[in-house]
N, C-alpha and C. Protein backbone atom coordinates (compact mmCIF):
# COMPACT_ATOMS: atom_id res chain seq x y z
N UNK A 1 15.56 3.08 71.37
CA UNK A 1 14.08 3.34 71.54
C UNK A 1 13.20 3.18 72.94
N UNK A 2 12.81 4.87 73.36
CA UNK A 2 11.98 4.64 75.13
C UNK A 2 11.11 3.88 74.75
N UNK A 3 10.99 3.71 76.22
CA UNK A 3 9.60 3.02 76.28
C UNK A 3 8.48 2.84 76.00
N UNK A 4 8.60 4.19 76.28
CA UNK A 4 7.01 5.06 76.00
C UNK A 4 7.12 5.12 74.95
N UNK A 5 7.51 5.39 73.67
CA UNK A 5 7.64 5.55 72.26
C UNK A 5 7.67 4.16 72.09
N UNK A 6 7.97 2.48 71.93
CA UNK A 6 8.14 1.71 72.02
C UNK A 6 6.37 1.15 72.32
N UNK A 7 6.36 1.71 73.26
CA UNK A 7 4.26 1.60 73.38
C UNK A 7 3.41 2.27 72.17
N UNK A 8 4.00 3.89 72.27
CA UNK A 8 3.44 4.85 70.65
C UNK A 8 3.27 3.87 69.65
N UNK A 9 4.45 3.36 69.65
CA UNK A 9 4.26 2.61 67.89
C UNK A 9 3.57 0.96 67.81
N UNK A 10 3.92 0.82 68.91
CA UNK A 10 3.16 -0.82 68.66
C UNK A 10 1.15 -0.46 68.92
N UNK A 11 1.18 0.83 69.58
CA UNK A 11 -0.43 0.82 69.64
C UNK A 11 -1.00 1.72 68.29
N UNK A 12 0.00 2.32 67.56
CA UNK A 12 -0.39 3.19 66.11
C UNK A 12 -0.30 1.66 65.34
N UNK A 13 0.80 0.78 65.03
CA UNK A 13 0.77 -0.59 64.63
C UNK A 13 -1.28 -1.28 64.80
N UNK A 14 -1.38 -1.54 65.95
CA UNK A 14 -2.26 -1.81 66.55
C UNK A 14 -3.64 -1.42 65.61
N UNK A 15 -3.45 0.08 66.18
CA UNK A 15 -4.58 0.60 65.25
C UNK A 15 -4.67 0.31 63.66
N UNK A 16 -3.52 0.53 62.89
CA UNK A 16 -3.04 0.38 61.61
C UNK A 16 -3.88 -0.66 61.08
N UNK A 17 -3.47 -2.20 61.89
CA UNK A 17 -3.97 -2.97 61.16
C UNK A 17 -5.13 -3.16 61.81
N UNK A 18 -5.71 -2.91 63.08
CA UNK A 18 -7.29 -2.71 62.84
C UNK A 18 -7.63 -1.98 61.26
N UNK A 19 -7.57 -1.33 61.42
CA UNK A 19 -8.02 -0.11 60.47
C UNK A 19 -8.42 -0.87 59.23
N UNK A 20 -6.66 -1.28 59.51
CA UNK A 20 -6.70 -2.06 57.44
C UNK A 20 -7.88 -3.23 57.40
N UNK A 21 -8.09 -4.41 58.24
CA UNK A 21 -8.77 -5.08 58.30
C UNK A 21 -10.17 -3.84 57.95
N UNK A 22 -10.41 -3.60 58.94
CA UNK A 22 -12.12 -2.86 58.41
C UNK A 22 -11.51 -2.38 57.17
N UNK A 23 -10.61 -1.98 56.60
CA UNK A 23 -11.54 -1.21 55.00
C UNK A 23 -11.11 -2.09 53.84
N UNK A 24 -9.93 -3.32 54.24
CA UNK A 24 -9.78 -4.65 52.66
C UNK A 24 -11.44 -5.22 53.58
N UNK A 25 -12.04 -5.63 54.27
CA UNK A 25 -13.61 -5.70 54.76
C UNK A 25 -14.35 -5.50 53.90
N UNK A 26 -14.74 -3.67 53.93
CA UNK A 26 -15.25 -2.93 53.34
C UNK A 26 -15.18 -3.01 52.04
N UNK A 27 -13.60 -3.42 51.24
CA UNK A 27 -13.64 -2.48 49.70
C UNK A 27 -13.61 -3.94 49.24
N UNK A 28 -13.29 -4.80 49.49
CA UNK A 28 -14.57 -6.61 49.14
C UNK A 28 -15.83 -6.20 48.92
N UNK A 29 -16.77 -5.41 49.72
CA UNK A 29 -18.30 -5.42 49.16
C UNK A 29 -18.57 -4.05 48.18
N UNK A 30 -17.68 -3.39 48.44
CA UNK A 30 -18.00 -2.55 47.45
C UNK A 30 -17.26 -2.67 45.71
N UNK A 31 -16.26 -3.31 45.84
CA UNK A 31 -15.50 -4.15 44.54
C UNK A 31 -16.50 -4.61 43.69
N UNK A 32 -17.16 -5.66 44.60
CA UNK A 32 -18.38 -6.99 44.30
C UNK A 32 -19.61 -6.44 43.81
N UNK A 33 -20.02 -5.14 44.81
CA UNK A 33 -21.64 -4.05 43.90
C UNK A 33 -20.79 -3.15 42.84
N UNK A 34 -19.67 -2.96 43.02
CA UNK A 34 -19.74 -1.86 42.02
C UNK A 34 -18.83 -2.37 40.44
N UNK A 35 -17.90 -2.83 41.10
CA UNK A 35 -16.50 -3.10 40.10
C UNK A 35 -15.72 -2.43 40.34
N UNK A 36 -14.61 -2.59 39.75
CA UNK A 36 -13.24 -1.63 40.30
C UNK A 36 -13.38 -0.78 39.68
N UNK A 37 -14.15 -0.03 38.07
CA UNK A 37 -13.75 0.86 37.78
C UNK A 37 -14.96 2.56 38.67
N UNK A 38 -15.88 1.25 38.64
CA UNK A 38 -17.01 2.00 40.01
C UNK A 38 -16.97 2.85 40.93
N UNK A 39 -16.26 1.82 41.48
CA UNK A 39 -15.49 2.18 43.15
C UNK A 39 -14.84 3.41 43.05
N UNK A 40 -15.63 3.72 44.69
CA UNK A 40 -14.54 5.19 44.62
C UNK A 40 -14.37 4.67 46.33
N UNK A 41 -13.07 5.45 46.48
CA UNK A 41 -12.20 5.31 47.70
C UNK A 41 -13.11 5.94 48.95
N UNK A 42 -13.80 6.67 48.68
CA UNK A 42 -14.64 7.40 49.36
C UNK A 42 -15.70 6.60 50.10
N UNK A 43 -16.16 5.51 48.83
CA UNK A 43 -17.33 4.53 49.88
C UNK A 43 -16.90 3.88 50.54
N UNK A 44 -15.69 3.52 50.20
CA UNK A 44 -14.68 2.23 50.99
C UNK A 44 -15.05 3.05 52.34
N UNK A 45 -14.92 4.03 52.16
CA UNK A 45 -13.98 4.78 53.61
C UNK A 45 -14.50 4.43 54.46
N UNK A 46 -16.58 5.36 54.11
CA UNK A 46 -17.55 5.05 54.76
C UNK A 46 -18.22 4.55 55.73
N UNK A 47 -17.67 2.79 54.41
CA UNK A 47 -18.57 1.27 54.50
C UNK A 47 -17.19 1.00 55.69
N UNK A 48 -16.50 1.86 55.59
CA UNK A 48 -14.85 1.45 56.55
C UNK A 48 -15.60 1.38 57.94
N UNK A 49 -16.23 3.44 57.85
CA UNK A 49 -16.25 3.72 58.96
C UNK A 49 -15.47 4.67 59.26
N UNK A 50 -14.03 4.93 58.44
CA UNK A 50 -13.23 5.76 58.97
C UNK A 50 -13.48 6.54 57.60
N UNK A 51 -11.63 7.33 57.76
CA UNK A 51 -12.03 9.00 57.02
C UNK A 51 -11.09 8.54 56.04
N UNK A 52 -11.19 9.10 54.85
CA UNK A 52 -10.93 8.84 53.22
C UNK A 52 -9.55 9.11 53.49
N UNK A 53 -9.26 10.22 54.44
CA UNK A 53 -7.57 10.07 54.58
C UNK A 53 -7.25 8.95 54.98
N UNK A 54 -7.18 8.45 56.17
CA UNK A 54 -6.94 7.21 56.37
C UNK A 54 -6.64 5.92 55.81
N UNK A 55 -7.50 5.80 54.97
CA UNK A 55 -7.80 4.67 54.08
C UNK A 55 -6.61 5.17 52.89
N UNK A 56 -6.42 6.45 52.74
CA UNK A 56 -4.29 6.54 51.94
C UNK A 56 -3.44 6.82 52.81
N UNK A 57 -4.00 6.92 53.90
CA UNK A 57 -2.29 6.39 55.01
C UNK A 57 -1.77 5.11 54.77
N UNK A 58 -3.51 4.62 54.67
CA UNK A 58 -2.75 2.81 54.60
C UNK A 58 -2.68 2.27 53.19
N UNK A 59 -3.25 2.63 52.66
CA UNK A 59 -2.75 2.08 51.48
C UNK A 59 -3.11 3.59 50.03
N UNK A 60 -2.03 3.12 49.19
CA UNK A 60 -1.26 4.15 48.50
C UNK A 60 -2.46 5.00 47.45
N UNK A 61 -3.03 4.44 47.34
CA UNK A 61 -4.57 5.03 46.16
C UNK A 61 -5.64 2.62 46.00
N UNK A 62 -6.03 3.48 44.73
CA UNK A 62 -7.56 1.99 44.48
C UNK A 62 -6.59 0.94 44.46
N UNK A 63 -6.08 1.02 43.05
CA UNK A 63 -5.50 0.03 42.61
C UNK A 63 -4.49 -0.93 43.71
N UNK A 64 -4.03 0.38 45.07
CA UNK A 64 -3.43 -0.50 45.88
C UNK A 64 -3.64 -2.07 46.56
N UNK A 65 -5.69 -0.95 47.17
CA UNK A 65 -6.02 -1.27 47.96
C UNK A 65 -6.85 -2.35 47.10
N UNK A 66 -6.86 -2.86 45.77
CA UNK A 66 -7.52 -3.78 45.08
C UNK A 66 -6.80 -4.68 45.50
N UNK A 67 -5.88 -4.95 45.04
CA UNK A 67 -5.19 -5.83 44.80
C UNK A 67 -4.54 -6.40 46.12
N UNK A 68 -4.62 -5.20 47.14
CA UNK A 68 -4.66 -6.35 48.73
C UNK A 68 -5.97 -7.17 48.98
N UNK A 69 -6.95 -6.52 48.17
CA UNK A 69 -8.34 -7.56 48.04
C UNK A 69 -8.15 -8.96 47.49
N UNK A 70 -7.41 -9.17 46.64
CA UNK A 70 -6.13 -10.16 45.95
C UNK A 70 -5.81 -10.81 46.70
N UNK A 71 -4.54 -10.57 47.21
CA UNK A 71 -3.91 -11.18 47.30
C UNK A 71 -4.04 -11.46 48.93
N UNK A 72 -5.01 -11.06 49.58
CA UNK A 72 -5.78 -11.38 50.92
C UNK A 72 -6.50 -13.07 50.76
N UNK A 73 -7.04 -12.68 50.04
CA UNK A 73 -7.73 -13.44 49.27
C UNK A 73 -7.12 -14.82 49.11
N UNK A 74 -5.86 -14.56 47.68
CA UNK A 74 -5.75 -15.01 47.26
C UNK A 74 -4.74 -16.23 48.70
N UNK A 75 -3.56 -15.00 49.05
CA UNK A 75 -2.78 -16.01 49.91
C UNK A 75 -3.48 -16.54 51.26
N UNK A 76 -5.49 -17.05 51.49
CA UNK A 76 -5.90 -17.16 52.67
C UNK A 76 -6.04 -18.75 51.85
N UNK A 77 -6.62 -18.41 50.60
CA UNK A 77 -6.48 -20.62 49.65
C UNK A 77 -5.49 -20.82 49.53
N UNK A 78 -3.95 -20.19 48.87
CA UNK A 78 -2.61 -20.67 49.07
C UNK A 78 -2.62 -21.50 50.39
N UNK A 79 -3.23 -20.83 51.98
CA UNK A 79 -2.32 -21.57 53.23
C UNK A 79 -3.22 -22.42 52.83
N UNK A 80 -4.31 -22.76 52.58
CA UNK A 80 -5.32 -23.91 52.83
C UNK A 80 -4.72 -25.00 52.00
N UNK A 81 -4.12 -24.81 50.23
CA UNK A 81 -3.64 -26.06 49.72
C UNK A 81 -2.26 -26.46 50.57
N UNK A 82 -1.72 -25.70 51.03
CA UNK A 82 -0.22 -26.17 51.46
C UNK A 82 -0.87 -26.77 52.27
N UNK A 83 -1.94 -27.04 52.96
CA UNK A 83 -2.20 -27.85 54.12
C UNK A 83 -2.81 -29.36 53.73
N UNK A 84 -3.14 -29.10 52.39
CA UNK A 84 -3.37 -30.20 51.67
C UNK A 84 -1.77 -31.69 51.43
N UNK A 85 -2.43 -32.66 51.85
CA UNK A 85 -0.91 -33.97 52.34
C UNK A 85 -0.90 -34.28 50.52
N UNK A 86 -0.12 -34.51 49.67
CA UNK A 86 -0.11 -34.73 48.59
C UNK A 86 0.85 -35.40 47.98
N UNK A 87 1.52 -36.22 49.18
CA UNK A 87 2.18 -37.35 49.34
C UNK A 87 2.17 -38.82 48.84
N UNK A 88 2.23 -39.36 47.67
CA UNK A 88 2.06 -40.14 47.28
C UNK A 88 0.90 -40.44 46.31
N UNK A 89 0.00 -38.62 46.29
CA UNK A 89 -0.85 -39.20 45.31
C UNK A 89 -1.03 -39.02 44.16
N UNK A 90 -1.24 -38.85 42.88
CA UNK A 90 -1.20 -38.69 41.32
C UNK A 90 -1.51 -37.32 41.11
N UNK A 91 -1.85 -36.44 39.75
CA UNK A 91 -2.45 -35.61 38.94
C UNK A 91 -3.37 -35.47 39.76
N UNK A 92 -4.51 -36.55 38.85
CA UNK A 92 -6.05 -36.45 39.13
C UNK A 92 -6.50 -36.14 40.94
N UNK A 93 -6.18 -36.63 41.66
CA UNK A 93 -6.08 -36.65 43.21
C UNK A 93 -6.23 -35.49 43.32
N UNK A 94 -5.15 -34.77 43.30
CA UNK A 94 -4.48 -33.63 43.66
C UNK A 94 -5.10 -32.01 42.58
N UNK A 95 -6.08 -32.71 41.90
CA UNK A 95 -6.53 -30.97 40.56
C UNK A 95 -8.03 -31.75 41.35
N UNK A 96 -8.25 -32.64 42.08
CA UNK A 96 -9.70 -33.30 42.58
C UNK A 96 -9.68 -32.51 43.93
N UNK A 97 -9.07 -32.61 44.87
CA UNK A 97 -8.76 -31.99 46.00
C UNK A 97 -8.65 -30.64 45.76
N UNK A 98 -8.12 -29.87 45.02
CA UNK A 98 -7.82 -28.44 45.24
C UNK A 98 -8.93 -27.62 44.93
N UNK A 99 -9.95 -28.24 43.66
CA UNK A 99 -11.29 -28.12 43.33
C UNK A 99 -11.86 -27.60 44.61
N UNK A 100 -12.05 -28.49 45.20
CA UNK A 100 -12.98 -28.90 46.61
C UNK A 100 -12.82 -27.75 47.65
N UNK A 101 -11.21 -27.50 48.10
CA UNK A 101 -11.09 -26.69 48.78
C UNK A 101 -11.35 -25.51 48.13
N UNK A 102 -11.24 -24.97 47.00
CA UNK A 102 -11.31 -23.81 46.38
C UNK A 102 -12.88 -23.12 46.48
N UNK A 103 -13.53 -24.68 45.79
CA UNK A 103 -15.15 -24.56 46.56
C UNK A 103 -15.28 -23.70 47.24
N UNK A 104 -15.24 -24.48 48.17
CA UNK A 104 -15.38 -24.11 49.85
C UNK A 104 -15.30 -23.43 50.21
N UNK A 105 -13.76 -22.84 49.02
CA UNK A 105 -13.14 -21.31 49.96
C UNK A 105 -13.60 -19.99 49.08
N UNK A 106 -14.35 -20.35 48.00
CA UNK A 106 -15.00 -19.16 47.43
C UNK A 106 -16.13 -18.76 48.19
N UNK A 107 -17.13 -20.11 48.00
CA UNK A 107 -18.86 -20.36 48.11
C UNK A 107 -18.89 -19.52 49.88
N UNK A 108 -17.93 -19.63 50.44
CA UNK A 108 -17.93 -18.59 52.32
C UNK A 108 -17.66 -17.56 51.72
N UNK A 109 -17.26 -16.80 50.47
CA UNK A 109 -17.16 -15.93 50.32
C UNK A 109 -17.21 -15.09 48.67
N UNK A 110 -19.02 -15.22 48.95
CA UNK A 110 -19.79 -14.58 47.94
C UNK A 110 -19.06 -12.85 47.88
N UNK A 111 -18.67 -11.97 48.33
CA UNK A 111 -18.42 -10.92 47.19
C UNK A 111 -17.02 -11.17 47.02
N UNK A 112 -16.40 -11.52 47.22
CA UNK A 112 -15.08 -11.88 46.85
C UNK A 112 -15.00 -12.84 45.46
N UNK A 113 -16.15 -13.72 45.71
CA UNK A 113 -16.02 -14.17 44.27
C UNK A 113 -16.62 -13.81 43.03
N UNK A 114 -17.97 -13.37 43.51
CA UNK A 114 -18.19 -11.57 42.52
C UNK A 114 -16.66 -10.94 41.76
N UNK A 115 -16.08 -10.52 42.42
CA UNK A 115 -15.65 -10.09 41.98
C UNK A 115 -14.56 -10.72 41.47
N UNK A 116 -13.85 -11.49 41.96
CA UNK A 116 -12.89 -12.67 40.57
C UNK A 116 -13.92 -13.68 39.21
N UNK A 117 -15.06 -13.01 39.31
CA UNK A 117 -15.91 -13.40 38.83
C UNK A 117 -15.99 -12.36 37.17
N UNK A 118 -15.73 -11.40 37.88
CA UNK A 118 -16.19 -10.11 37.24
C UNK A 118 -14.93 -9.86 36.31
N UNK A 119 -13.53 -9.63 37.11
CA UNK A 119 -12.50 -9.46 36.67
C UNK A 119 -11.60 -10.64 35.39
N UNK A 120 -12.16 -12.20 36.40
CA UNK A 120 -12.03 -12.75 34.78
C UNK A 120 -12.94 -12.32 33.76
N UNK A 121 -14.34 -12.44 33.61
CA UNK A 121 -15.07 -11.59 32.66
C UNK A 121 -14.36 -10.80 31.59
N UNK A 122 -13.56 -10.13 31.94
CA UNK A 122 -13.09 -8.69 31.52
C UNK A 122 -11.15 -9.37 31.03
N UNK A 123 -10.54 -10.61 31.87
CA UNK A 123 -9.57 -10.95 31.20
C UNK A 123 -9.97 -12.01 30.22
N UNK A 124 -11.17 -12.23 30.02
CA UNK A 124 -11.04 -13.53 28.96
C UNK A 124 -10.86 -14.97 29.83
N UNK A 125 -10.86 -16.28 29.09
CA UNK A 125 -11.27 -17.73 29.21
C UNK A 125 -9.35 -17.66 29.32
N UNK A 126 -8.58 -16.94 28.88
CA UNK A 126 -6.63 -17.72 29.06
C UNK A 126 -6.06 -17.13 30.37
N UNK A 127 -5.44 -18.12 30.99
CA UNK A 127 -4.82 -17.48 32.76
C UNK A 127 -4.09 -16.78 32.12
N UNK A 128 -3.29 -16.54 31.78
CA UNK A 128 -1.99 -16.04 30.80
C UNK A 128 -2.77 -14.29 31.37
N UNK A 129 -3.86 -14.26 31.25
CA UNK A 129 -4.44 -12.72 31.00
C UNK A 129 -5.15 -12.37 32.71
N UNK A 130 -4.79 -13.53 33.17
CA UNK A 130 -4.97 -13.06 34.42
C UNK A 130 -4.26 -12.59 35.36
N UNK A 131 -3.83 -11.20 36.27
CA UNK A 131 -2.83 -11.23 37.26
C UNK A 131 -2.09 -12.54 37.73
N UNK A 132 -1.14 -12.59 37.83
CA UNK A 132 0.13 -13.79 38.53
C UNK A 132 -1.32 -14.06 39.85
N UNK A 133 -0.87 -13.50 40.50
CA UNK A 133 -1.22 -13.92 41.96
C UNK A 133 -3.44 -14.54 41.80
N UNK A 134 -3.52 -14.20 40.90
CA UNK A 134 -4.77 -14.73 40.59
C UNK A 134 -4.37 -16.42 39.57
N UNK A 135 -3.59 -16.06 39.67
CA UNK A 135 -3.43 -18.00 38.66
C UNK A 135 -2.32 -19.08 39.42
N UNK A 136 -1.48 -18.31 40.33
CA UNK A 136 -0.46 -18.41 41.26
C UNK A 136 -0.64 -20.54 41.67
N UNK A 137 -2.11 -19.89 42.38
CA UNK A 137 -2.35 -21.30 43.07
C UNK A 137 -3.33 -22.35 41.49
N UNK A 138 -2.79 -22.64 40.53
CA UNK A 138 -3.98 -23.42 39.06
C UNK A 138 -2.21 -23.83 39.16
N UNK A 139 -1.38 -23.32 39.50
CA UNK A 139 -0.07 -24.85 39.93
C UNK A 139 0.12 -24.98 37.98
N UNK A 140 0.33 -24.26 36.87
CA UNK A 140 0.71 -24.96 35.93
C UNK A 140 2.04 -26.44 35.44
N UNK A 141 2.59 -26.20 36.38
CA UNK A 141 3.65 -27.78 36.35
C UNK A 141 2.96 -28.63 36.69
N UNK A 142 1.53 -28.98 37.16
CA UNK A 142 0.82 -30.38 38.09
C UNK A 142 0.53 -30.20 36.32
N UNK A 143 -0.49 -29.89 35.95
CA UNK A 143 -1.52 -29.39 34.65
C UNK A 143 0.30 -30.21 33.88
N UNK A 144 1.47 -30.23 33.51
CA UNK A 144 2.73 -30.42 32.73
C UNK A 144 2.16 -32.40 33.51
N UNK A 145 2.59 -32.66 34.54
CA UNK A 145 3.12 -33.64 35.03
C UNK A 145 2.40 -34.16 34.45
N UNK A 146 0.81 -34.31 35.14
CA UNK A 146 -0.40 -34.81 34.32
C UNK A 146 -0.02 -35.40 33.31
N UNK A 147 0.53 -34.40 32.18
CA UNK A 147 0.04 -34.43 30.85
C UNK A 147 1.97 -35.77 30.40
N UNK A 148 2.53 -35.63 30.79
CA UNK A 148 3.35 -36.68 30.78
C UNK A 148 3.47 -37.76 31.04
N UNK A 149 2.92 -38.00 32.53
CA UNK A 149 2.77 -38.98 33.06
C UNK A 149 1.33 -40.06 32.63
N UNK A 150 0.91 -39.68 31.60
CA UNK A 150 -0.38 -40.17 30.78
C UNK A 150 -2.15 -39.91 31.52
N UNK A 151 -2.01 -39.26 33.12
CA UNK A 151 -3.02 -38.76 33.71
C UNK A 151 -4.41 -38.22 32.70
N UNK A 152 -3.64 -36.53 32.30
CA UNK A 152 -4.63 -35.92 31.26
C UNK A 152 -4.47 -36.48 30.03
N UNK A 153 -5.07 -35.68 29.66
CA UNK A 153 -5.10 -35.94 28.05
C UNK A 153 -3.92 -35.24 27.44
N UNK A 154 -4.24 -36.34 26.26
CA UNK A 154 -2.03 -35.54 25.47
C UNK A 154 -2.72 -34.29 24.73
N UNK A 155 -2.63 -32.51 25.70
CA UNK A 155 -3.16 -31.54 24.75
C UNK A 155 -1.94 -30.85 26.02
N UNK A 156 -1.78 -29.48 25.52
CA UNK A 156 -1.17 -28.26 26.07
C UNK A 156 -1.35 -28.21 27.17
N UNK A 157 -0.76 -28.33 28.52
CA UNK A 157 -1.11 -27.77 29.68
C UNK A 157 -1.71 -26.62 29.80
N UNK A 158 -0.91 -25.18 28.91
CA UNK A 158 -1.81 -24.30 29.55
C UNK A 158 -2.87 -24.65 29.06
N UNK A 159 -3.76 -24.87 27.95
CA UNK A 159 -5.15 -25.20 27.37
C UNK A 159 -5.71 -26.25 28.33
N UNK A 160 -5.15 -26.74 29.24
CA UNK A 160 -5.95 -27.63 30.02
C UNK A 160 -5.94 -26.72 31.15
N UNK A 161 -5.45 -26.43 32.22
CA UNK A 161 -5.57 -25.29 32.57
C UNK A 161 -6.37 -23.98 32.77
N UNK A 162 -6.49 -23.53 30.96
CA UNK A 162 -7.46 -22.67 31.10
C UNK A 162 -8.68 -23.10 30.86
N UNK A 163 -8.77 -24.91 30.20
CA UNK A 163 -10.08 -24.89 30.41
C UNK A 163 -10.72 -25.57 31.54
N UNK A 164 -10.19 -25.89 33.07
CA UNK A 164 -10.18 -25.70 34.16
C UNK A 164 -10.66 -24.87 35.04
N UNK A 165 -10.72 -23.49 34.65
CA UNK A 165 -10.02 -22.26 34.85
C UNK A 165 -11.78 -21.46 34.53
N UNK A 166 -12.03 -21.99 33.06
CA UNK A 166 -13.14 -22.01 32.11
C UNK A 166 -14.11 -22.60 33.15
N UNK A 167 -14.43 -23.61 33.17
CA UNK A 167 -14.79 -25.00 33.85
C UNK A 167 -15.53 -24.06 35.12
N UNK A 168 -14.53 -23.55 35.96
CA UNK A 168 -14.75 -23.70 37.61
C UNK A 168 -15.64 -21.69 37.53
N UNK A 169 -15.43 -21.15 36.63
CA UNK A 169 -15.83 -19.83 35.88
C UNK A 169 -17.25 -19.88 35.85
N UNK A 170 -17.80 -20.51 34.87
CA UNK A 170 -18.94 -21.09 34.46
C UNK A 170 -19.96 -21.52 35.52
N UNK A 171 -19.38 -22.85 35.61
CA UNK A 171 -20.46 -23.08 37.14
C UNK A 171 -20.81 -22.30 38.35
N UNK A 172 -19.76 -21.56 38.80
CA UNK A 172 -19.71 -20.46 39.59
C UNK A 172 -20.43 -19.38 40.01
N UNK A 173 -20.72 -19.27 38.32
CA UNK A 173 -21.25 -17.70 37.81
C UNK A 173 -22.58 -18.04 37.88
N UNK A 174 -22.71 -19.83 37.40
CA UNK A 174 -24.55 -19.48 37.25
C UNK A 174 -24.71 -20.97 38.95
N UNK A 175 -23.82 -20.15 39.78
CA UNK A 175 -24.45 -20.27 41.34
C UNK A 175 -24.86 -19.05 41.64
N UNK A 176 -23.85 -18.58 41.95
CA UNK A 176 -24.39 -16.83 41.91
C UNK A 176 -25.90 -16.61 41.12
N UNK A 177 -25.14 -16.83 40.41
CA UNK A 177 -27.01 -16.13 39.24
C UNK A 177 -27.47 -16.62 39.87
N UNK A 178 -28.61 -17.87 40.10
CA UNK A 178 -29.63 -18.88 40.98
C UNK A 178 -29.41 -19.03 41.46
N UNK A 179 -29.04 -17.59 42.56
CA UNK A 179 -29.28 -17.85 44.56
C UNK A 179 -28.19 -18.79 45.09
N UNK A 180 -27.55 -19.51 44.88
CA UNK A 180 -26.32 -19.62 45.58
C UNK A 180 -27.07 -21.24 46.43
N UNK A 181 -28.41 -21.84 45.25
CA UNK A 181 -28.92 -23.08 46.44
C UNK A 181 -27.91 -23.86 46.39
N UNK A 182 -27.00 -24.50 45.76
CA UNK A 182 -26.03 -25.90 46.26
C UNK A 182 -25.11 -25.25 47.04
N UNK A 183 -24.93 -26.82 47.72
CA UNK A 183 -24.09 -26.80 48.63
C UNK A 183 -22.93 -26.97 48.16
N UNK A 184 -21.90 -26.20 49.02
CA UNK A 184 -20.72 -26.66 48.17
C UNK A 184 -20.10 -27.85 47.49
N UNK A 185 -21.10 -28.87 48.71
CA UNK A 185 -20.57 -29.70 47.98
C UNK A 185 -20.95 -30.35 46.85
N UNK A 186 -22.32 -30.34 46.89
CA UNK A 186 -22.67 -31.04 45.41
C UNK A 186 -22.23 -29.44 44.12
N UNK A 187 -22.03 -29.01 44.49
CA UNK A 187 -21.60 -27.46 43.99
C UNK A 187 -19.35 -27.99 42.94
N UNK A 188 -18.98 -28.96 44.19
CA UNK A 188 -17.49 -29.56 43.83
C UNK A 188 -18.34 -30.73 42.97
N UNK A 189 -18.64 -31.38 43.04
CA UNK A 189 -19.30 -33.20 42.30
C UNK A 189 -19.70 -32.39 41.16
N UNK A 190 -20.01 -31.37 41.63
CA UNK A 190 -20.70 -30.60 39.43
C UNK A 190 -19.31 -30.40 39.05
N UNK A 191 -18.35 -30.07 39.16
CA UNK A 191 -17.58 -29.07 38.59
C UNK A 191 -15.97 -30.81 37.90
N UNK A 192 -16.13 -30.96 39.43
CA UNK A 192 -15.63 -32.23 39.04
C UNK A 192 -15.53 -33.36 38.27
N UNK A 193 -17.23 -33.86 37.75
CA UNK A 193 -17.22 -34.14 37.48
C UNK A 193 -16.86 -33.61 35.51
N UNK A 194 -17.55 -32.66 35.57
CA UNK A 194 -16.92 -31.98 33.90
C UNK A 194 -15.85 -31.66 33.96
N UNK A 195 -14.34 -31.86 35.01
CA UNK A 195 -12.80 -31.96 34.57
C UNK A 195 -12.37 -33.18 33.92
N UNK A 196 -13.44 -34.80 35.00
CA UNK A 196 -13.47 -36.54 34.91
C UNK A 196 -13.31 -35.93 32.94
N UNK A 197 -14.70 -35.93 32.57
CA UNK A 197 -14.80 -36.35 31.29
C UNK A 197 -14.31 -35.24 29.80
N UNK A 198 -14.21 -34.32 30.26
CA UNK A 198 -13.21 -32.88 30.08
C UNK A 198 -11.15 -33.79 29.59
N UNK A 199 -11.14 -34.10 31.06
CA UNK A 199 -9.24 -33.70 30.17
C UNK A 199 -9.01 -35.36 31.41
N UNK A 200 -8.94 -35.83 31.92
CA UNK A 200 -8.96 -36.92 32.85
C UNK A 200 -8.50 -38.47 31.56
N UNK A 201 -8.00 -38.89 32.14
CA UNK A 201 -7.74 -40.06 31.10
C UNK A 201 -8.26 -40.87 32.01
N UNK A 202 -9.19 -42.20 31.61
CA UNK A 202 -9.16 -43.40 32.75
C UNK A 202 -10.44 -43.38 34.08
N UNK A 203 -11.05 -42.24 33.68
CA UNK A 203 -12.21 -41.56 34.97
C UNK A 203 -11.35 -40.85 35.97
N UNK A 204 -12.65 -41.00 36.75
CA UNK A 204 -11.96 -40.12 38.30
C UNK A 204 -11.70 -41.40 39.64
N UNK A 205 -10.58 -40.52 39.95
CA UNK A 205 -10.28 -41.61 41.89
C UNK A 205 -11.17 -41.99 42.10
N UNK A 206 -11.35 -43.53 42.64
CA UNK A 206 -12.30 -44.25 43.65
C UNK A 206 -12.26 -43.15 44.96
N UNK A 207 -12.03 -42.05 45.52
CA UNK A 207 -11.61 -41.38 46.28
C UNK A 207 -11.58 -39.83 46.07
N UNK A 208 -12.52 -39.06 46.30
CA UNK A 208 -12.18 -37.28 45.60
C UNK A 208 -12.07 -36.66 47.29
């Protein structure tokens, strides 16, 4: 490819990446406010400051745009999980640390948190009903291991996973509805306390 053509292609890609970021940010706010069904691509385009055709040039439709909002946020959360050192730690410690990471992440993105809670209300409390991206970071294998090792109560790991998601959902919903007054630290301790009482054996680890 000639140098001039390469330069134009690089400019086009950079422009599309900038548009993509603007569109995703606007979509997150519109989906949070309207919900998926009521949200309009035209409104998202207006908030992003781009033409509707530009949105469709990057995302084939509203569903793909909605999935991209989920994917962008959940990929970012998964990246934070990967930074957590788990070597030498048991299931309880890992679950509590992941809870801390998730609460810090979600409370820093209230618009996305509203989307997640709105959709989980539609899905119900069974994690198997959620899109795969929404549950990938819950790591069912970790619950299985915890039950096998006796760190978690003797219960179906999928049930324990559902309990964990339900507790987080209820507490986070209450936090949003009550004006987001608690700090992420306070919220984390509340949820961790519920986990400890609900399905940990022998209480919580000394440090969380």
